[in-house]
Amino acid sequence: MKIYGGKPADGQEVYLRVQKAQGKDATGKAQPLQGSKTIADRVEVSGKAKEISEMKAEIRKLPEVRTDKVEAIRQAIESGTYRVDPAKVLRKMLEEI
């Protein structure tokens, strides 16, 4: 078997060729193409995204434990008026599966 031509390109040479083809320098930083204008990156957030962000901030302000609900259930248990609906519990368990 004969191989004609030069030796195969080494890894660094291949890397540099790819970087050049992608318009990057040897460090991997993008270089503007000759004669092209540089365009700055920019992000615009929609009104809906701003609204969602505000809602999240409001939710974070709420306490993690609703002490009023906990206290009402505690009192119902102590007074013996707290009832568990087995069908509701079963439905919730099946939803989790």
PDB file of N, CA and C in Angstrom:
ATOM      1  N   MET A   1       0.847  -1.163   0.000  1.00  0.00           N
ATOM      2  CA  MET A   1       0.000   0.000   0.000  1.00  0.00           C
ATOM      3  C   MET A   1       0.894   1.228   0.000  1.00  0.00           C
ATOM      4  N   LYS A   2       0.533   2.198  -0.849  1.00  0.00           N
ATOM      5  CA  LYS A   2       1.300   3.428  -0.917  1.00  0.00           C
ATOM      6  C   LYS A   2       0.408   4.597  -0.552  1.00  0.00           C
ATOM      7  N   ILE A   3       0.965   5.523   0.184  1.00  0.00           N
ATOM      8  CA  ILE A   3       0.251   6.741   0.544  1.00  0.00           C
ATOM      9  C   ILE A   3       0.945   7.889  -0.156  1.00  0.00           C
ATOM     10  N   TYR A   4       0.195   8.616  -0.935  1.00  0.00           N
ATOM     11  CA  TYR A   4       0.763   9.731  -1.660  1.00  0.00           C
ATOM     12  C   TYR A   4       0.413  11.035  -0.956  1.00  0.00           C
ATOM     13  N   GLY A   5       1.261  11.996  -1.066  1.00  0.00           N
ATOM     14  CA  GLY A   5       1.006  13.283  -0.441  1.00  0.00           C
ATOM     15  C   GLY A   5       1.810  13.411   0.838  1.00  0.00           C
ATOM     16  N   GLY A   6       1.578  14.514   1.516  1.00  0.00           N
ATOM     17  CA  GLY A   6       2.314  14.765   2.755  1.00  0.00           C
ATOM     18  C   GLY A   6       1.792  13.925   3.900  1.00  0.00           C
ATOM     19  N   LYS A   7       2.393  14.158   4.992  1.00  0.00           N
ATOM     20  CA  LYS A   7       1.956  13.437   6.192  1.00  0.00           C
ATOM     21  C   LYS A   7       0.579  13.939   6.618  1.00  0.00           C
ATOM     22  N   PRO A   8      -0.188  13.134   7.348  1.00  0.00           N
ATOM     23  CA  PRO A   8      -1.508  13.574   7.797  1.00  0.00           C
ATOM     24  C   PRO A   8      -1.382  14.773   8.745  1.00  0.00           C
ATOM     25  N   ALA A   9      -2.387  15.609   8.734  1.00  0.00           N
ATOM     26  CA  ALA A   9      -2.375  16.793   9.595  1.00  0.00           C
ATOM     27  C   ALA A   9      -2.431  16.367  11.055  1.00  0.00           C
ATOM     28  N   ASP A  10      -1.643  17.056  11.875  1.00  0.00           N
ATOM     29  CA  ASP A  10      -1.700  16.749  13.303  1.00  0.00           C
ATOM     30  C   ASP A  10      -2.904  17.463  13.921  1.00  0.00           C
ATOM     31  N   GLY A  11      -3.214  17.145  15.151  1.00  0.00           N
ATOM     32  CA  GLY A  11      -4.406  17.666  15.811  1.00  0.00           C
ATOM     33  C   GLY A  11      -4.441  19.180  15.874  1.00  0.00           C
ATOM     34  N   GLN A  12      -3.297  19.806  16.157  1.00  0.00           N
ATOM     35  CA  GLN A  12      -3.262  21.253  16.273  1.00  0.00           C
ATOM     36  C   GLN A  12      -3.553  21.911  14.924  1.00  0.00           C
ATOM     37  N   GLU A  13      -3.006  21.347  13.877  1.00  0.00           N
ATOM     38  CA  GLU A  13      -3.227  21.908  12.539  1.00  0.00           C
ATOM     39  C   GLU A  13      -4.712  21.819  12.167  1.00  0.00           C
ATOM     40  N   VAL A  14      -5.342  20.711  12.467  1.00  0.00           N
ATOM     41  CA  VAL A  14      -6.771  20.547  12.179  1.00  0.00           C
ATOM     42  C   VAL A  14      -7.575  21.562  12.983  1.00  0.00           C
ATOM     43  N   TYR A  15      -7.223  21.721  14.249  1.00  0.00           N
ATOM     44  CA  TYR A  15      -7.919  22.668  15.113  1.00  0.00           C
ATOM     45  C   TYR A  15      -7.830  24.081  14.545  1.00  0.00           C
ATOM     46  N   LEU A  16      -6.634  24.485  14.139  1.00  0.00           N
ATOM     47  CA  LEU A  16      -6.445  25.830  13.605  1.00  0.00           C
ATOM     48  C   LEU A  16      -7.236  26.027  12.311  1.00  0.00           C
ATOM     49  N   ARG A  17      -7.299  25.002  11.477  1.00  0.00           N
ATOM     50  CA  ARG A  17      -8.079  25.100  10.238  1.00  0.00           C
ATOM     51  C   ARG A  17      -9.566  25.307  10.543  1.00  0.00           C
ATOM     52  N   VAL A  18     -10.078  24.562  11.517  1.00  0.00           N
ATOM     53  CA  VAL A  18     -11.482  24.687  11.893  1.00  0.00           C
ATOM     54  C   VAL A  18     -11.751  26.069  12.473  1.00  0.00           C
ATOM     55  N   GLN A  19     -10.863  26.542  13.339  1.00  0.00           N
ATOM     56  CA  GLN A  19     -11.043  27.861  13.935  1.00  0.00           C
ATOM     57  C   GLN A  19     -11.056  28.941  12.860  1.00  0.00           C
ATOM     58  N   LYS A  20     -10.157  28.832  11.894  1.00  0.00           N
ATOM     59  CA  LYS A  20     -10.091  29.807  10.815  1.00  0.00           C
ATOM     60  C   LYS A  20     -11.365  29.772   9.979  1.00  0.00           C
ATOM     61  N   ALA A  21     -11.871  28.576   9.708  1.00  0.00           N
ATOM     62  CA  ALA A  21     -13.101  28.438   8.919  1.00  0.00           C
ATOM     63  C   ALA A  21     -14.302  29.031   9.652  1.00  0.00           C
ATOM     64  N   GLN A  22     -14.276  28.971  10.981  1.00  0.00           N
ATOM     65  CA  GLN A  22     -15.376  29.509  11.782  1.00  0.00           C
ATOM     66  C   GLN A  22     -15.191  30.986  12.102  1.00  0.00           C
ATOM     67  N   GLY A  23     -14.110  31.590  11.582  1.00  0.00           N
ATOM     68  CA  GLY A  23     -13.875  33.012  11.827  1.00  0.00           C
ATOM     69  C   GLY A  23     -13.337  33.290  13.206  1.00  0.00           C
ATOM     70  N   LYS A  24     -12.565  32.385  13.762  1.00  0.00           N
ATOM     71  CA  LYS A  24     -12.005  32.563  15.101  1.00  0.00           C
ATOM     72  C   LYS A  24     -10.488  32.578  15.011  1.00  0.00           C
ATOM     73  N   ASP A  25      -9.852  33.191  16.016  1.00  0.00           N
ATOM     74  CA  ASP A  25      -8.391  33.169  16.043  1.00  0.00           C
ATOM     75  C   ASP A  25      -7.919  31.910  16.755  1.00  0.00           C
ATOM     76  N   ALA A  26      -6.628  31.777  16.950  1.00  0.00           N
ATOM     77  CA  ALA A  26      -6.055  30.565  17.542  1.00  0.00           C
ATOM     78  C   ALA A  26      -6.510  30.340  18.982  1.00  0.00           C
ATOM     79  N   THR A  27      -6.946  31.408  19.666  1.00  0.00           N
ATOM     80  CA  THR A  27      -7.396  31.252  21.054  1.00  0.00           C
ATOM     81  C   THR A  27      -8.861  30.842  21.137  1.00  0.00           C
ATOM     82  N   GLY A  28      -9.555  30.818  19.989  1.00  0.00           N
ATOM     83  CA  GLY A  28     -10.957  30.427  19.977  1.00  0.00           C
ATOM     84  C   GLY A  28     -11.910  31.599  20.065  1.00  0.00           C
ATOM     85  N   LYS A  29     -11.348  32.839  20.119  1.00  0.00           N
ATOM     86  CA  LYS A  29     -12.201  34.021  20.183  1.00  0.00           C
ATOM     87  C   LYS A  29     -12.673  34.385  18.788  1.00  0.00           C
ATOM     88  N   ALA A  30     -13.918  34.781  18.683  1.00  0.00           N
ATOM     89  CA  ALA A  30     -14.481  35.149  17.382  1.00  0.00           C
ATOM     90  C   ALA A  30     -13.828  36.422  16.881  1.00  0.00           C
ATOM     91  N   GLN A  31     -13.495  36.423  15.627  1.00  0.00           N
ATOM     92  CA  GLN A  31     -12.915  37.587  14.978  1.00  0.00           C
ATOM     93  C   GLN A  31     -13.905  38.098  13.945  1.00  0.00           C
ATOM     94  N   PRO A  32     -14.132  39.400  13.882  1.00  0.00           N
ATOM     95  CA  PRO A  32     -15.050  39.899  12.865  1.00  0.00           C
ATOM     96  C   PRO A  32     -14.492  39.642  11.480  1.00  0.00           C
ATOM     97  N   LEU A  33     -15.360  39.295  10.563  1.00  0.00           N
ATOM     98  CA  LEU A  33     -14.938  39.057   9.191  1.00  0.00           C
ATOM     99  C   LEU A  33     -14.538  40.383   8.570  1.00  0.00           C
ATOM    100  N   GLN A  34     -13.620  40.339   7.640  1.00  0.00           N
ATOM    101  CA  GLN A  34     -13.167  41.560   6.989  1.00  0.00           C
ATOM    102  C   GLN A  34     -14.332  42.212   6.264  1.00  0.00           C
ATOM    103  N   GLY A  35     -14.480  43.515   6.471  1.00  0.00           N
ATOM    104  CA  GLY A  35     -15.534  44.253   5.806  1.00  0.00           C
ATOM    105  C   GLY A  35     -16.894  44.108   6.463  1.00  0.00           C
ATOM    106  N   SER A  36     -16.982  43.396   7.555  1.00  0.00           N
ATOM    107  CA  SER A  36     -18.274  43.231   8.222  1.00  0.00           C
ATOM    108  C   SER A  36     -18.357  44.164   9.415  1.00  0.00           C
ATOM    109  N   LYS A  37     -19.571  44.504   9.796  1.00  0.00           N
ATOM    110  CA  LYS A  37     -19.795  45.361  10.953  1.00  0.00           C
ATOM    111  C   LYS A  37     -19.983  44.483  12.181  1.00  0.00           C
ATOM    112  N   THR A  38     -19.475  44.933  13.298  1.00  0.00           N
ATOM    113  CA  THR A  38     -19.652  44.206  14.547  1.00  0.00           C
ATOM    114  C   THR A  38     -21.029  44.542  15.109  1.00  0.00           C
ATOM    115  N   ILE A  39     -21.779  43.520  15.460  1.00  0.00           N
ATOM    116  CA  ILE A  39     -23.117  43.694  16.016  1.00  0.00           C
ATOM    117  C   ILE A  39     -23.081  43.273  17.477  1.00  0.00           C
ATOM    118  N   ALA A  40     -23.563  44.129  18.348  1.00  0.00           N
ATOM    119  CA  ALA A  40     -23.574  43.808  19.777  1.00  0.00           C
ATOM    120  C   ALA A  40     -24.715  42.847  20.084  1.00  0.00           C
ATOM    121  N   ASP A  41     -24.472  41.937  21.007  1.00  0.00           N
ATOM    122  CA  ASP A  41     -25.519  41.023  21.457  1.00  0.00           C
ATOM    123  C   ASP A  41     -26.508  41.795  22.315  1.00  0.00           C
ATOM    124  N   ARG A  42     -27.762  41.356  22.266  1.00  0.00           N
ATOM    125  CA  ARG A  42     -28.769  42.041  23.060  1.00  0.00           C
ATOM    126  C   ARG A  42     -29.895  41.062  23.368  1.00  0.00           C
ATOM    127  N   VAL A  43     -30.507  41.260  24.514  1.00  0.00           N
ATOM    128  CA  VAL A  43     -31.616  40.414  24.942  1.00  0.00           C
ATOM    129  C   VAL A  43     -32.799  41.308  25.253  1.00  0.00           C
ATOM    130  N   GLU A  44     -33.966  40.913  24.767  1.00  0.00           N
ATOM    131  CA  GLU A  44     -35.187  41.634  25.078  1.00  0.00           C
ATOM    132  C   GLU A  44     -36.129  40.675  25.798  1.00  0.00           C
ATOM    133  N   VAL A  45     -36.652  41.136  26.915  1.00  0.00           N
ATOM    134  CA  VAL A  45     -37.561  40.308  27.706  1.00  0.00           C
ATOM    135  C   VAL A  45     -38.986  40.767  27.420  1.00  0.00           C
ATOM    136  N   SER A  46     -39.844  39.819  27.109  1.00  0.00           N
ATOM    137  CA  SER A  46     -41.232  40.157  26.781  1.00  0.00           C
ATOM    138  C   SER A  46     -41.977  40.619  28.029  1.00  0.00           C
ATOM    139  N   GLY A  47     -43.109  41.252  27.807  1.00  0.00           N
ATOM    140  CA  GLY A  47     -43.946  41.695  28.922  1.00  0.00           C
ATOM    141  C   GLY A  47     -44.425  40.530  29.762  1.00  0.00           C
ATOM    142  N   LYS A  48     -44.711  39.411  29.090  1.00  0.00           N
ATOM    143  CA  LYS A  48     -45.172  38.214  29.801  1.00  0.00           C
ATOM    144  C   LYS A  48     -44.069  37.691  30.728  1.00  0.00           C
ATOM    145  N   ALA A  49     -42.827  37.703  30.243  1.00  0.00           N
ATOM    146  CA  ALA A  49     -41.705  37.235  31.070  1.00  0.00           C
ATOM    147  C   ALA A  49     -41.514  38.140  32.279  1.00  0.00           C
ATOM    148  N   LYS A  50     -41.681  39.438  32.085  1.00  0.00           N
ATOM    149  CA  LYS A  50     -41.568  40.368  33.212  1.00  0.00           C
ATOM    150  C   LYS A  50     -42.665  40.103  34.235  1.00  0.00           C
ATOM    151  N   GLU A  51     -43.871  39.844  33.739  1.00  0.00           N
ATOM    152  CA  GLU A  51     -45.000  39.563  34.621  1.00  0.00           C
ATOM    153  C   GLU A  51     -44.747  38.286  35.430  1.00  0.00           C
ATOM    154  N   ILE A  52     -44.233  37.264  34.781  1.00  0.00           N
ATOM    155  CA  ILE A  52     -43.925  35.998  35.466  1.00  0.00           C
ATOM    156  C   ILE A  52     -42.855  36.227  36.522  1.00  0.00           C
ATOM    157  N   SER A  53     -41.851  37.032  36.188  1.00  0.00           N
ATOM    158  CA  SER A  53     -40.789  37.328  37.149  1.00  0.00           C
ATOM    159  C   SER A  53     -41.339  38.038  38.380  1.00  0.00           C
ATOM    160  N   GLU A  54     -42.249  38.987  38.158  1.00  0.00           N
ATOM    161  CA  GLU A  54     -42.860  39.698  39.285  1.00  0.00           C
ATOM    162  C   GLU A  54     -43.688  38.751  40.151  1.00  0.00           C
ATOM    163  N   MET A  55     -44.412  37.828  39.511  1.00  0.00           N
ATOM    164  CA  MET A  55     -45.207  36.851  40.259  1.00  0.00           C
ATOM    165  C   MET A  55     -44.318  35.950  41.102  1.00  0.00           C
ATOM    166  N   LYS A  56     -43.198  35.515  40.526  1.00  0.00           N
ATOM    167  CA  LYS A  56     -42.262  34.673  41.278  1.00  0.00           C
ATOM    168  C   LYS A  56     -41.743  35.408  42.503  1.00  0.00           C
ATOM    169  N   ALA A  57     -41.453  36.700  42.343  1.00  0.00           N
ATOM    170  CA  ALA A  57     -40.958  37.494  43.469  1.00  0.00           C
ATOM    171  C   ALA A  57     -42.016  37.575  44.569  1.00  0.00           C
ATOM    172  N   GLU A  58     -43.270  37.730  44.195  1.00  0.00           N
ATOM    173  CA  GLU A  58     -44.351  37.778  45.181  1.00  0.00           C
ATOM    174  C   GLU A  58     -44.517  36.440  45.887  1.00  0.00           C
ATOM    175  N   ILE A  59     -44.399  35.353  45.140  1.00  0.00           N
ATOM    176  CA  ILE A  59     -44.522  34.014  45.723  1.00  0.00           C
ATOM    177  C   ILE A  59     -43.404  33.765  46.732  1.00  0.00           C
ATOM    178  N   ARG A  60     -42.193  34.231  46.401  1.00  0.00           N
ATOM    179  CA  ARG A  60     -41.058  34.044  47.323  1.00  0.00           C
ATOM    180  C   ARG A  60     -41.279  34.769  48.643  1.00  0.00           C
ATOM    181  N   LYS A  61     -42.096  35.821  48.632  1.00  0.00           N
ATOM    182  CA  LYS A  61     -42.367  36.571  49.858  1.00  0.00           C
ATOM    183  C   LYS A  61     -43.307  35.822  50.795  1.00  0.00           C
ATOM    184  N   LEU A  62     -44.100  34.887  50.252  1.00  0.00           N
ATOM    185  CA  LEU A  62     -45.059  34.149  51.068  1.00  0.00           C
ATOM    186  C   LEU A  62     -44.322  33.200  52.015  1.00  0.00           C
ATOM    187  N   PRO A  63     -44.885  32.964  53.189  1.00  0.00           N
ATOM    188  CA  PRO A  63     -44.242  32.018  54.105  1.00  0.00           C
ATOM    189  C   PRO A  63     -44.327  30.599  53.548  1.00  0.00           C
ATOM    190  N   GLU A  64     -43.323  29.805  53.865  1.00  0.00           N
ATOM    191  CA  GLU A  64     -43.297  28.437  53.355  1.00  0.00           C
ATOM    192  C   GLU A  64     -44.368  27.574  54.012  1.00  0.00           C
ATOM    193  N   VAL A  65     -44.692  27.875  55.261  1.00  0.00           N
ATOM    194  CA  VAL A  65     -45.718  27.123  55.985  1.00  0.00           C
ATOM    195  C   VAL A  65     -46.861  28.089  56.299  1.00  0.00           C
ATOM    196  N   ARG A  66     -48.060  27.672  55.918  1.00  0.00           N
ATOM    197  CA  ARG A  66     -49.230  28.507  56.205  1.00  0.00           C
ATOM    198  C   ARG A  66     -49.708  28.190  57.617  1.00  0.00           C
ATOM    199  N   THR A  67     -49.218  28.949  58.548  1.00  0.00           N
ATOM    200  CA  THR A  67     -49.485  28.668  59.964  1.00  0.00           C
ATOM    201  C   THR A  67     -50.974  28.717  60.294  1.00  0.00           C
ATOM    202  N   ASP A  68     -51.755  29.552  59.591  1.00  0.00           N
ATOM    203  CA  ASP A  68     -53.187  29.611  59.874  1.00  0.00           C
ATOM    204  C   ASP A  68     -53.859  28.275  59.549  1.00  0.00           C
ATOM    205  N   LYS A  69     -53.475  27.654  58.426  1.00  0.00           N
ATOM    206  CA  LYS A  69     -54.050  26.344  58.055  1.00  0.00           C
ATOM    207  C   LYS A  69     -53.589  25.268  59.035  1.00  0.00           C
ATOM    208  N   VAL A  70     -52.309  25.299  59.385  1.00  0.00           N
ATOM    209  CA  VAL A  70     -51.764  24.302  60.306  1.00  0.00           C
ATOM    210  C   VAL A  70     -52.484  24.390  61.649  1.00  0.00           C
ATOM    211  N   GLU A  71     -52.691  25.609  62.127  1.00  0.00           N
ATOM    212  CA  GLU A  71     -53.356  25.795  63.419  1.00  0.00           C
ATOM    213  C   GLU A  71     -54.809  25.320  63.371  1.00  0.00           C
ATOM    214  N   ALA A  72     -55.515  25.588  62.273  1.00  0.00           N
ATOM    215  CA  ALA A  72     -56.913  25.154  62.141  1.00  0.00           C
ATOM    216  C   ALA A  72     -56.994  23.630  62.148  1.00  0.00           C
ATOM    217  N   ILE A  73     -56.107  22.960  61.471  1.00  0.00           N
ATOM    218  CA  ILE A  73     -56.106  21.491  61.445  1.00  0.00           C
ATOM    219  C   ILE A  73     -55.738  20.935  62.817  1.00  0.00           C
ATOM    220  N   ARG A  74     -54.769  21.572  63.483  1.00  0.00           N
ATOM    221  CA  ARG A  74     -54.361  21.133  64.817  1.00  0.00           C
ATOM    222  C   ARG A  74     -55.550  21.203  65.782  1.00  0.00           C
ATOM    223  N   GLN A  75     -56.287  22.288  65.720  1.00  0.00           N
ATOM    224  CA  GLN A  75     -57.444  22.447  66.606  1.00  0.00           C
ATOM    225  C   GLN A  75     -58.532  21.423  66.284  1.00  0.00           C
ATOM    226  N   ALA A  76     -58.747  21.155  64.988  1.00  0.00           N
ATOM    227  CA  ALA A  76     -59.759  20.162  64.592  1.00  0.00           C
ATOM    228  C   ALA A  76     -59.367  18.778  65.089  1.00  0.00           C
ATOM    229  N   ILE A  77     -58.089  18.441  65.029  1.00  0.00           N
ATOM    230  CA  ILE A  77     -57.626  17.131  65.514  1.00  0.00           C
ATOM    231  C   ILE A  77     -57.826  17.036  67.024  1.00  0.00           C
ATOM    232  N   GLU A  78     -57.431  18.094  67.742  1.00  0.00           N
ATOM    233  CA  GLU A  78     -57.560  18.088  69.207  1.00  0.00           C
ATOM    234  C   GLU A  78     -59.020  18.018  69.656  1.00  0.00           C
ATOM    235  N   SER A  79     -59.906  18.662  68.914  1.00  0.00           N
ATOM    236  CA  SER A  79     -61.313  18.654  69.315  1.00  0.00           C
ATOM    237  C   SER A  79     -62.053  17.418  68.801  1.00  0.00           C
ATOM    238  N   GLY A  80     -61.387  16.628  67.934  1.00  0.00           N
ATOM    239  CA  GLY A  80     -62.000  15.407  67.420  1.00  0.00           C
ATOM    240  C   GLY A  80     -62.919  15.640  66.231  1.00  0.00           C
ATOM    241  N   THR A  81     -62.869  16.812  65.633  1.00  0.00           N
ATOM    242  CA  THR A  81     -63.747  17.112  64.493  1.00  0.00           C
ATOM    243  C   THR A  81     -63.042  16.950  63.143  1.00  0.00           C
ATOM    244  N   TYR A  82     -61.788  16.626  63.165  1.00  0.00           N
ATOM    245  CA  TYR A  82     -61.046  16.459  61.900  1.00  0.00           C
ATOM    246  C   TYR A  82     -61.388  15.103  61.302  1.00  0.00           C
ATOM    247  N   ARG A  83     -61.872  15.117  60.082  1.00  0.00           N
ATOM    248  CA  ARG A  83     -62.251  13.883  59.395  1.00  0.00           C
ATOM    249  C   ARG A  83     -61.436  13.740  58.119  1.00  0.00           C
ATOM    250  N   VAL A  84     -61.026  12.526  57.847  1.00  0.00           N
ATOM    251  CA  VAL A  84     -60.280  12.215  56.629  1.00  0.00           C
ATOM    252  C   VAL A  84     -61.232  11.543  55.656  1.00  0.00           C
ATOM    253  N   ASP A  85     -61.270  12.032  54.414  1.00  0.00           N
ATOM    254  CA  ASP A  85     -62.098  11.447  53.369  1.00  0.00           C
ATOM    255  C   ASP A  85     -61.256  10.384  52.660  1.00  0.00           C
ATOM    256  N   PRO A  86     -61.525   9.085  52.932  1.00  0.00           N
ATOM    257  CA  PRO A  86     -60.691   8.022  52.345  1.00  0.00           C
ATOM    258  C   PRO A  86     -60.681   8.045  50.814  1.00  0.00           C
ATOM    259  N   ALA A  87     -61.804   8.379  50.193  1.00  0.00           N
ATOM    260  CA  ALA A  87     -61.865   8.420  48.727  1.00  0.00           C
ATOM    261  C   ALA A  87     -60.940   9.513  48.186  1.00  0.00           C
ATOM    262  N   LYS A  88     -60.913  10.642  48.857  1.00  0.00           N
ATOM    263  CA  LYS A  88     -60.052  11.749  48.426  1.00  0.00           C
ATOM    264  C   LYS A  88     -58.578  11.368  48.578  1.00  0.00           C
ATOM    265  N   VAL A  89     -58.248  10.710  49.665  1.00  0.00           N
ATOM    266  CA  VAL A  89     -56.873  10.264  49.895  1.00  0.00           C
ATOM    267  C   VAL A  89     -56.465   9.270  48.808  1.00  0.00           C
ATOM    268  N   LEU A  90     -57.346   8.324  48.496  1.00  0.00           N
ATOM    269  CA  LEU A  90     -57.064   7.327  47.471  1.00  0.00           C
ATOM    270  C   LEU A  90     -56.858   7.979  46.109  1.00  0.00           C
ATOM    271  N   ARG A  91     -57.726   8.944  45.769  1.00  0.00           N
ATOM    272  CA  ARG A  91     -57.583   9.658  44.487  1.00  0.00           C
ATOM    273  C   ARG A  91     -56.222  10.334  44.382  1.00  0.00           C
ATOM    274  N   LYS A  92     -55.809  11.009  45.444  1.00  0.00           N
ATOM    275  CA  LYS A  92     -54.513  11.695  45.456  1.00  0.00           C
ATOM    276  C   LYS A  92     -53.361  10.705  45.337  1.00  0.00           C
ATOM    277  N   MET A  93     -53.486   9.558  46.009  1.00  0.00           N
ATOM    278  CA  MET A  93     -52.429   8.545  45.925  1.00  0.00           C
ATOM    279  C   MET A  93     -52.314   8.008  44.492  1.00  0.00           C
ATOM    280  N   LEU A  94     -53.446   7.786  43.851  1.00  0.00           N
ATOM    281  CA  LEU A  94     -53.442   7.271  42.474  1.00  0.00           C
ATOM    282  C   LEU A  94     -52.905   8.317  41.503  1.00  0.00           C
ATOM    283  N   GLU A  95     -53.174   9.587  41.764  1.00  0.00           N
ATOM    284  CA  GLU A  95     -52.631  10.655  40.917  1.00  0.00           C
ATOM    285  C   GLU A  95     -51.104  10.682  40.981  1.00  0.00           C
ATOM    286  N   GLU A  96     -50.578  10.384  42.154  1.00  0.00           N
ATOM    287  CA  GLU A  96     -49.120  10.388  42.339  1.00  0.00           C
ATOM    288  C   GLU A  96     -48.442   9.240  41.620  1.00  0.00           C
ATOM    289  N   ILE A  97     -49.181   8.155  41.434  1.00  0.00           N
ATOM    290  CA  ILE A  97     -48.604   6.980  40.766  1.00  0.00           C
ATOM    291  C   ILE A  97     -48.637   7.227  39.312  1.00  0.00           C
TER     292      ILE A  97
END
